[in-house]
C-alpha cells in the first residue's frame, strides 16, 4: 500500500520542475493529485495524462480567491475532500532594493505569499471534512538568509515562513498540520540553463558538493503529506545540501 493512499492532494506550480516531481511521487504513493499552473497549461495537461487516472490538471491563478474556490470545488467533485495542499507555485524577478519596481514587488507577493494564504483559506474547510490534513509550503533558502539580488523574492519567502508558523499553531487542534520546506539548488530547467561557470560556482557553495535531484525534495513532500509525520507541524526543513548551515 502506498504511503499516501486515499489522500487527495493539490499541487500548485505542478506542471514542471520540482512541482512535477511532487505530483508524480504523490500519485505513485497512492494519492489522487490535482496539479495546477497559471501559464504552462500544455505541460500540465501532458503530465496529468502521463500520470493517468490518479491525476488531473487545472489552470489556476493562485493570487485569485475565485480560482481557489473553483479548484477546491472541482477537486472535491472528482476525488473527494482535500487532505494535502502543496503551495509550490512561485516566481522570482531579480532586483535590488532600488531597482525593484512596485509592480514587480506586487506581482511577486501575489504569487509567493498571497497565493499560499488564499490556498490555506480555501482548503481548510475541505480538510475539516476530510478529518484533517497537511499543508506543505515550499519556500526557498531565500527565506533563511539574505537574498541580495532579489529583495522582493526574499521578503515573500520570509513572509511564507512566518505565515506557516501561525497557521500551524492555529489549526493544530483540528489535526491540520502546516510545515515549510526551504529548497536549495535543484536540477530544474533554470539550473540546466545556467552557464557552466555559474553551475560550478553554485556547486562550490554547497557543502555536499552537488546539486539536488528533484526526487530528493519530493520525498520530503511525500513524508509530510503522509501519516508518518502526523506529529510534525510548524517545522522548518532546509533541503539544501547544508548550504544554509555554513
C-alpha atoms as a PDB file:
ATOM      1  CA  UNK A   1       0.000   0.000   0.000  1.00  0.00           C
ATOM      2  CA  UNK A   2       1.269   3.497  -0.847  1.00  0.00           C
ATOM      3  CA  UNK A   3       2.321   5.930   1.834  1.00  0.00           C
ATOM      4  CA  UNK A   4      -0.452   8.413   0.937  1.00  0.00           C
ATOM      5  CA  UNK A   5      -3.126   6.043  -0.349  1.00  0.00           C
ATOM      6  CA  UNK A   6      -6.585   7.546  -0.024  1.00  0.00           C
ATOM      7  CA  UNK A   7      -5.372  11.125   0.234  1.00  0.00           C
ATOM      8  CA  UNK A   8      -6.359  13.919  -2.144  1.00  0.00           C
ATOM      9  CA  UNK A   9      -3.654  16.461  -2.964  1.00  0.00           C
ATOM     10  CA  UNK A  10      -3.468  19.807  -4.743  1.00  0.00           C
ATOM     11  CA  UNK A  11      -0.009  20.825  -6.010  1.00  0.00           C
ATOM     12  CA  UNK A  12       0.329  24.368  -7.322  1.00  0.00           C
ATOM     13  CA  UNK A  13       3.042  25.047  -9.865  1.00  0.00           C
ATOM     14  CA  UNK A  14       2.762  21.349 -10.552  1.00  0.00           C
ATOM     15  CA  UNK A  15       3.254  21.254 -14.308  1.00  0.00           C
ATOM     16  CA  UNK A  16       7.057  21.236 -14.399  1.00  0.00           C
ATOM     17  CA  UNK A  17      10.252  21.258 -12.360  1.00  0.00           C
ATOM     18  CA  UNK A  18      10.019  20.452  -8.670  1.00  0.00           C
ATOM     19  CA  UNK A  19       6.218  20.618  -8.707  1.00  0.00           C
ATOM     20  CA  UNK A  20       6.021  17.970 -11.410  1.00  0.00           C
ATOM     21  CA  UNK A  21       8.238  15.656  -9.339  1.00  0.00           C
ATOM     22  CA  UNK A  22       5.989  16.205  -6.323  1.00  0.00           C
ATOM     23  CA  UNK A  23       2.860  15.412  -8.337  1.00  0.00           C
ATOM     24  CA  UNK A  24       4.400  12.238  -9.780  1.00  0.00           C
ATOM     25  CA  UNK A  25       5.630  10.953  -6.430  1.00  0.00           C
ATOM     26  CA  UNK A  26       2.408  11.678  -4.560  1.00  0.00           C
ATOM     27  CA  UNK A  27       0.439   9.816  -7.224  1.00  0.00           C
ATOM     28  CA  UNK A  28       2.951   6.942  -7.213  1.00  0.00           C
ATOM     29  CA  UNK A  29       2.404   6.621  -3.461  1.00  0.00           C
ATOM     30  CA  UNK A  30      -1.357   6.390  -3.840  1.00  0.00           C
ATOM     31  CA  UNK A  31      -2.756   9.929  -3.694  1.00  0.00           C
ATOM     32  CA  UNK A  32      -5.164  11.474  -6.152  1.00  0.00           C
ATOM     33  CA  UNK A  33      -3.413  14.624  -7.359  1.00  0.00           C
ATOM     34  CA  UNK A  34      -4.698  17.840  -8.872  1.00  0.00           C
ATOM     35  CA  UNK A  35      -1.783  19.755 -10.361  1.00  0.00           C
ATOM     36  CA  UNK A  36      -2.283  23.398 -11.236  1.00  0.00           C
ATOM     37  CA  UNK A  37      -0.380  26.082 -13.097  1.00  0.00           C
ATOM     38  CA  UNK A  38      -1.140  29.506 -14.442  1.00  0.00           C
ATOM     39  CA  UNK A  39       0.800  29.506 -17.689  1.00  0.00           C
ATOM     40  CA  UNK A  40       2.334  26.151 -18.617  1.00  0.00           C
ATOM     41  CA  UNK A  41      -1.030  24.617 -19.443  1.00  0.00           C
ATOM     42  CA  UNK A  42       0.187  22.254 -22.155  1.00  0.00           C
ATOM     43  CA  UNK A  43       2.899  20.845 -19.889  1.00  0.00           C
ATOM     44  CA  UNK A  44       0.380  20.372 -17.080  1.00  0.00           C
ATOM     45  CA  UNK A  45      -2.105  18.546 -19.258  1.00  0.00           C
ATOM     46  CA  UNK A  46       0.661  16.325 -20.629  1.00  0.00           C
ATOM     47  CA  UNK A  47       1.933  15.436 -17.159  1.00  0.00           C
ATOM     48  CA  UNK A  48      -1.555  14.628 -15.871  1.00  0.00           C
ATOM     49  CA  UNK A  49      -2.089  12.358 -18.873  1.00  0.00           C
ATOM     50  CA  UNK A  50       1.214  10.604 -18.163  1.00  0.00           C
ATOM     51  CA  UNK A  51       0.281  10.020 -14.535  1.00  0.00           C
ATOM     52  CA  UNK A  52      -3.113   8.671 -15.558  1.00  0.00           C
ATOM     53  CA  UNK A  53      -6.358   8.361 -13.645  1.00  0.00           C
ATOM     54  CA  UNK A  54      -4.767   9.352 -10.341  1.00  0.00           C
ATOM     55  CA  UNK A  55      -4.243  12.926 -11.573  1.00  0.00           C
ATOM     56  CA  UNK A  56      -5.820  15.816 -13.416  1.00  0.00           C
ATOM     57  CA  UNK A  57      -4.695  19.308 -14.392  1.00  0.00           C
ATOM     58  CA  UNK A  58      -6.464  22.607 -13.742  1.00  0.00           C
ATOM     59  CA  UNK A  59      -5.350  26.050 -14.849  1.00  0.00           C
ATOM     60  CA  UNK A  60      -5.209  28.431 -11.905  1.00  0.00           C
ATOM     61  CA  UNK A  61      -4.124  31.916 -10.904  1.00  0.00           C
ATOM     62  CA  UNK A  62      -3.101  31.325  -7.283  1.00  0.00           C
ATOM     63  CA  UNK A  63      -3.473  35.023  -6.496  1.00  0.00           C
ATOM     64  CA  UNK A  64      -7.236  34.916  -7.144  1.00  0.00           C
ATOM     65  CA  UNK A  65      -9.618  33.672  -4.448  1.00  0.00           C
ATOM     66  CA  UNK A  66     -12.179  32.740  -7.092  1.00  0.00           C
ATOM     67  CA  UNK A  67      -9.720  30.401  -8.778  1.00  0.00           C
ATOM     68  CA  UNK A  68      -9.009  28.713  -5.453  1.00  0.00           C
ATOM     69  CA  UNK A  69     -12.727  28.196  -4.807  1.00  0.00           C
ATOM     70  CA  UNK A  70     -13.134  26.660  -8.256  1.00  0.00           C
ATOM     71  CA  UNK A  71     -10.134  24.340  -7.915  1.00  0.00           C
ATOM     72  CA  UNK A  72     -11.147  23.076  -4.473  1.00  0.00           C
ATOM     73  CA  UNK A  73     -14.773  22.532  -5.523  1.00  0.00           C
ATOM     74  CA  UNK A  74     -13.741  20.626  -8.648  1.00  0.00           C
ATOM     75  CA  UNK A  75     -11.200  18.581  -6.686  1.00  0.00           C
ATOM     76  CA  UNK A  76     -13.895  17.546  -4.223  1.00  0.00           C
ATOM     77  CA  UNK A  77     -16.258  16.687  -7.057  1.00  0.00           C
ATOM     78  CA  UNK A  78     -13.710  14.427  -8.729  1.00  0.00           C
ATOM     79  CA  UNK A  79     -11.815  12.873  -5.846  1.00  0.00           C
ATOM     80  CA  UNK A  80     -13.302  13.928  -2.506  1.00  0.00           C
ATOM     81  CA  UNK A  81     -12.239  16.340   0.264  1.00  0.00           C
ATOM     82  CA  UNK A  82      -8.723  17.751   0.060  1.00  0.00           C
ATOM     83  CA  UNK A  83      -6.265  16.282   2.578  1.00  0.00           C
ATOM     84  CA  UNK A  84      -2.966  17.646   1.175  1.00  0.00           C
ATOM     85  CA  UNK A  85      -2.049  21.074  -0.187  1.00  0.00           C
ATOM     86  CA  UNK A  86       1.407  21.787  -1.584  1.00  0.00           C
ATOM     87  CA  UNK A  87       1.878  25.524  -2.099  1.00  0.00           C
ATOM     88  CA  UNK A  88       4.692  25.258  -4.625  1.00  0.00           C
ATOM     89  CA  UNK A  89       3.904  27.968  -7.199  1.00  0.00           C
ATOM     90  CA  UNK A  90       6.393  30.809  -7.110  1.00  0.00           C
ATOM     91  CA  UNK A  91       8.104  33.440  -9.216  1.00  0.00           C
ATOM     92  CA  UNK A  92      11.301  35.466  -8.943  1.00  0.00           C
ATOM     93  CA  UNK A  93      12.187  38.748 -10.636  1.00  0.00           C
ATOM     94  CA  UNK A  94      15.767  39.548  -9.569  1.00  0.00           C
ATOM     95  CA  UNK A  95      16.299  43.138  -8.459  1.00  0.00           C
ATOM     96  CA  UNK A  96      17.848  45.129  -5.640  1.00  0.00           C
ATOM     97  CA  UNK A  97      16.106  47.457  -3.196  1.00  0.00           C
ATOM     98  CA  UNK A  98      16.499  50.441  -5.508  1.00  0.00           C
ATOM     99  CA  UNK A  99      15.766  48.681  -8.803  1.00  0.00           C
ATOM    100  CA  UNK A 100      12.741  46.513  -7.873  1.00  0.00           C
ATOM    101  CA  UNK A 101       9.634  48.238  -9.208  1.00  0.00           C
ATOM    102  CA  UNK A 102       6.383  48.446  -7.293  1.00  0.00           C
ATOM    103  CA  UNK A 103       4.624  46.429  -9.999  1.00  0.00           C
ATOM    104  CA  UNK A 104       7.232  43.657  -9.761  1.00  0.00           C
ATOM    105  CA  UNK A 105       7.034  43.653  -5.974  1.00  0.00           C
ATOM    106  CA  UNK A 106       3.258  43.282  -6.022  1.00  0.00           C
ATOM    107  CA  UNK A 107       3.408  40.530  -8.640  1.00  0.00           C
ATOM    108  CA  UNK A 108       5.932  38.504  -6.618  1.00  0.00           C
ATOM    109  CA  UNK A 109       3.970  38.811  -3.378  1.00  0.00           C
ATOM    110  CA  UNK A 110       0.691  37.980  -5.108  1.00  0.00           C
ATOM    111  CA  UNK A 111       2.052  34.615  -6.223  1.00  0.00           C
ATOM    112  CA  UNK A 112       4.535  33.750  -3.466  1.00  0.00           C
ATOM    113  CA  UNK A 113       2.701  34.932  -0.363  1.00  0.00           C
ATOM    114  CA  UNK A 114      -0.912  35.829  -1.149  1.00  0.00           C
ATOM    115  CA  UNK A 115      -1.296  32.614  -3.179  1.00  0.00           C
ATOM    116  CA  UNK A 116      -0.445  30.273  -0.273  1.00  0.00           C
ATOM    117  CA  UNK A 117      -2.593  32.388   2.080  1.00  0.00           C
ATOM    118  CA  UNK A 118      -5.627  32.104  -0.194  1.00  0.00           C
ATOM    119  CA  UNK A 119      -4.850  28.409  -0.687  1.00  0.00           C
ATOM    120  CA  UNK A 120      -4.920  27.742   3.038  1.00  0.00           C
ATOM    121  CA  UNK A 121      -8.155  29.663   3.415  1.00  0.00           C
ATOM    122  CA  UNK A 122      -9.725  27.667   0.596  1.00  0.00           C
ATOM    123  CA  UNK A 123      -8.674  24.176   1.695  1.00  0.00           C
ATOM    124  CA  UNK A 124      -9.193  24.356   5.474  1.00  0.00           C
ATOM    125  CA  UNK A 125     -12.968  23.725   5.250  1.00  0.00           C
ATOM    126  CA  UNK A 126     -12.309  20.802   2.885  1.00  0.00           C
ATOM    127  CA  UNK A 127      -9.636  19.399   5.226  1.00  0.00           C
ATOM    128  CA  UNK A 128     -12.103  19.602   8.086  1.00  0.00           C
ATOM    129  CA  UNK A 129     -14.458  17.448   6.034  1.00  0.00           C
ATOM    130  CA  UNK A 130     -11.561  15.067   5.403  1.00  0.00           C
ATOM    131  CA  UNK A 131     -10.908  14.773   9.135  1.00  0.00           C
ATOM    132  CA  UNK A 132      -7.532  16.534   8.978  1.00  0.00           C
ATOM    133  CA  UNK A 133      -4.829  17.360   6.518  1.00  0.00           C
ATOM    134  CA  UNK A 134      -1.326  18.509   5.695  1.00  0.00           C
ATOM    135  CA  UNK A 135      -0.337  21.846   4.178  1.00  0.00           C
ATOM    136  CA  UNK A 136       3.196  21.985   2.811  1.00  0.00           C
ATOM    137  CA  UNK A 137       4.553  25.408   1.921  1.00  0.00           C
ATOM    138  CA  UNK A 138       7.544  25.494  -0.417  1.00  0.00           C
ATOM    139  CA  UNK A 139       9.721  28.491   0.429  1.00  0.00           C
ATOM    140  CA  UNK A 140      13.401  28.853  -0.507  1.00  0.00           C
ATOM    141  CA  UNK A 141      16.769  29.321   1.125  1.00  0.00           C
ATOM    142  CA  UNK A 142      15.965  32.989   0.430  1.00  0.00           C
ATOM    143  CA  UNK A 143      13.626  32.652   3.407  1.00  0.00           C
ATOM    144  CA  UNK A 144      16.536  31.748   5.690  1.00  0.00           C
ATOM    145  CA  UNK A 145      19.236  34.201   4.666  1.00  0.00           C
ATOM    146  CA  UNK A 146      19.765  37.447   2.782  1.00  0.00           C
ATOM    147  CA  UNK A 147      18.765  37.481  -0.870  1.00  0.00           C
ATOM    148  CA  UNK A 148      20.865  40.419  -2.001  1.00  0.00           C
ATOM    149  CA  UNK A 149      19.783  40.492  -5.638  1.00  0.00           C
ATOM    150  CA  UNK A 150      16.114  39.571  -5.081  1.00  0.00           C
ATOM    151  CA  UNK A 151      14.680  41.679  -2.297  1.00  0.00           C
ATOM    152  CA  UNK A 152      11.000  41.090  -3.042  1.00  0.00           C
ATOM    153  CA  UNK A 153      11.508  37.354  -3.545  1.00  0.00           C
ATOM    154  CA  UNK A 154      13.378  37.047  -0.254  1.00  0.00           C
ATOM    155  CA  UNK A 155      10.736  39.101   1.518  1.00  0.00           C
ATOM    156  CA  UNK A 156       7.963  36.898   0.189  1.00  0.00           C
ATOM    157  CA  UNK A 157       9.689  33.736   1.381  1.00  0.00           C
ATOM    158  CA  UNK A 158      10.264  35.147   4.867  1.00  0.00           C
ATOM    159  CA  UNK A 159       6.562  36.054   4.922  1.00  0.00           C
ATOM    160  CA  UNK A 160       5.644  32.499   3.968  1.00  0.00           C
ATOM    161  CA  UNK A 161       7.833  31.215   6.792  1.00  0.00           C
ATOM    162  CA  UNK A 162       6.030  33.356   9.370  1.00  0.00           C
ATOM    163  CA  UNK A 163       2.615  32.532   7.982  1.00  0.00           C
ATOM    164  CA  UNK A 164       3.399  28.803   8.249  1.00  0.00           C
ATOM    165  CA  UNK A 165       4.185  29.096  11.954  1.00  0.00           C
ATOM    166  CA  UNK A 166       0.988  30.987  12.712  1.00  0.00           C
ATOM    167  CA  UNK A 167      -1.261  28.624  10.769  1.00  0.00           C
ATOM    168  CA  UNK A 168       0.438  25.580  12.316  1.00  0.00           C
ATOM    169  CA  UNK A 169      -0.499  26.732  15.812  1.00  0.00           C
ATOM    170  CA  UNK A 170      -3.980  27.866  14.793  1.00  0.00           C
ATOM    171  CA  UNK A 171      -5.036  24.589  13.200  1.00  0.00           C
ATOM    172  CA  UNK A 172      -3.063  22.017  15.230  1.00  0.00           C
ATOM    173  CA  UNK A 173      -6.075  21.203  17.459  1.00  0.00           C
ATOM    174  CA  UNK A 174      -8.013  20.162  14.344  1.00  0.00           C
ATOM    175  CA  UNK A 175      -5.385  17.743  13.053  1.00  0.00           C
ATOM    176  CA  UNK A 176      -4.397  20.068  10.216  1.00  0.00           C
ATOM    177  CA  UNK A 177      -0.619  20.357  10.004  1.00  0.00           C
ATOM    178  CA  UNK A 178       1.326  23.163   8.323  1.00  0.00           C
ATOM    179  CA  UNK A 179       5.041  22.843   7.552  1.00  0.00           C
ATOM    180  CA  UNK A 180       7.534  24.676   5.354  1.00  0.00           C
ATOM    181  CA  UNK A 181      10.447  23.453   3.225  1.00  0.00           C
ATOM    182  CA  UNK A 182      13.375  25.625   2.145  1.00  0.00           C
ATOM    183  CA  UNK A 183      14.865  24.142  -1.059  1.00  0.00           C
ATOM    184  CA  UNK A 184      18.366  24.964  -2.204  1.00  0.00           C
ATOM    185  CA  UNK A 185      19.667  24.279  -5.713  1.00  0.00           C
ATOM    186  CA  UNK A 186      17.985  21.508  -7.704  1.00  0.00           C
ATOM    187  CA  UNK A 187      18.250  20.098 -11.221  1.00  0.00           C
ATOM    188  CA  UNK A 188      15.423  22.098 -12.739  1.00  0.00           C
ATOM    189  CA  UNK A 189      15.073  23.925 -16.032  1.00  0.00           C
ATOM    190  CA  UNK A 190      16.659  27.052 -14.546  1.00  0.00           C
ATOM    191  CA  UNK A 191      19.704  25.122 -13.362  1.00  0.00           C
ATOM    192  CA  UNK A 192      20.062  23.230 -16.622  1.00  0.00           C
ATOM    193  CA  UNK A 193      20.106  26.545 -18.489  1.00  0.00           C
ATOM    194  CA  UNK A 194      22.815  28.014 -16.266  1.00  0.00           C
ATOM    195  CA  UNK A 195      26.271  28.555 -17.748  1.00  0.00           C
ATOM    196  CA  UNK A 196      28.959  26.018 -16.812  1.00  0.00           C
ATOM    197  CA  UNK A 197      30.731  28.729 -14.823  1.00  0.00           C
ATOM    198  CA  UNK A 198      27.615  29.637 -12.853  1.00  0.00           C
ATOM    199  CA  UNK A 199      26.827  25.982 -12.248  1.00  0.00           C
ATOM    200  CA  UNK A 200      30.295  25.323 -10.857  1.00  0.00           C
ATOM    201  CA  UNK A 201      30.007  28.384  -8.667  1.00  0.00           C
ATOM    202  CA  UNK A 202      26.741  27.143  -7.177  1.00  0.00           C
ATOM    203  CA  UNK A 203      28.036  23.608  -6.654  1.00  0.00           C
ATOM    204  CA  UNK A 204      31.078  25.036  -4.897  1.00  0.00           C
ATOM    205  CA  UNK A 205      28.836  26.799  -2.383  1.00  0.00           C
ATOM    206  CA  UNK A 206      27.063  23.583  -1.320  1.00  0.00           C
ATOM    207  CA  UNK A 207      28.796  21.560   1.436  1.00  0.00           C
ATOM    208  CA  UNK A 208      27.585  18.301  -0.138  1.00  0.00           C
ATOM    209  CA  UNK A 209      29.291  19.369  -3.376  1.00  0.00           C
ATOM    210  CA  UNK A 210      26.396  18.714  -5.736  1.00  0.00           C
ATOM    211  CA  UNK A 211      23.012  19.908  -6.980  1.00  0.00           C
ATOM    212  CA  UNK A 212      19.937  18.131  -5.618  1.00  0.00           C
ATOM    213  CA  UNK A 213      17.733  15.818  -7.675  1.00  0.00           C
ATOM    214  CA  UNK A 214      14.013  16.766  -7.755  1.00  0.00           C
ATOM    215  CA  UNK A 215      13.006  13.467  -6.165  1.00  0.00           C
ATOM    216  CA  UNK A 216      15.150  14.322  -3.142  1.00  0.00           C
ATOM    217  CA  UNK A 217      12.772  17.188  -2.448  1.00  0.00           C
ATOM    218  CA  UNK A 218       9.571  15.412  -3.424  1.00  0.00           C
ATOM    219  CA  UNK A 219      10.390  12.595  -0.997  1.00  0.00           C
ATOM    220  CA  UNK A 220      10.187  15.147   1.832  1.00  0.00           C
ATOM    221  CA  UNK A 221       6.831  16.310   0.484  1.00  0.00           C
ATOM    222  CA  UNK A 222       5.533  12.736   0.487  1.00  0.00           C
ATOM    223  CA  UNK A 223       6.719  12.294   4.095  1.00  0.00           C
ATOM    224  CA  UNK A 224       4.966  15.485   5.233  1.00  0.00           C
ATOM    225  CA  UNK A 225       1.820  14.506   3.328  1.00  0.00           C
ATOM    226  CA  UNK A 226       1.750  11.067   4.905  1.00  0.00           C
ATOM    227  CA  UNK A 227       0.656   9.967   8.362  1.00  0.00           C
ATOM    228  CA  UNK A 228       4.315   9.216   9.102  1.00  0.00           C
ATOM    229  CA  UNK A 229       4.640  12.899  10.011  1.00  0.00           C
ATOM    230  CA  UNK A 230       1.387  13.110  11.981  1.00  0.00           C
ATOM    231  CA  UNK A 231       3.127  14.726  14.999  1.00  0.00           C
ATOM    232  CA  UNK A 232       5.041  17.251  12.868  1.00  0.00           C
ATOM    233  CA  UNK A 233       3.673  20.754  12.444  1.00  0.00           C
ATOM    234  CA  UNK A 234       5.266  24.178  12.277  1.00  0.00           C
ATOM    235  CA  UNK A 235       8.516  22.546  11.173  1.00  0.00           C
ATOM    236  CA  UNK A 236      11.132  24.287   9.036  1.00  0.00           C
ATOM    237  CA  UNK A 237      13.068  21.893   6.818  1.00  0.00           C
ATOM    238  CA  UNK A 238      16.121  23.146   4.924  1.00  0.00           C
ATOM    239  CA  UNK A 239      16.653  20.838   1.944  1.00  0.00           C
ATOM    240  CA  UNK A 240      19.783  22.492   0.620  1.00  0.00           C
ATOM    241  CA  UNK A 241      22.757  20.148   0.944  1.00  0.00           C
ATOM    242  CA  UNK A 242      23.932  22.039   4.016  1.00  0.00           C
ATOM    243  CA  UNK A 243      24.167  25.419   2.284  1.00  0.00           C
ATOM    244  CA  UNK A 244      22.420  27.477   4.977  1.00  0.00           C
ATOM    245  CA  UNK A 245      24.315  25.695   7.766  1.00  0.00           C
ATOM    246  CA  UNK A 246      27.554  27.438   6.832  1.00  0.00           C
END
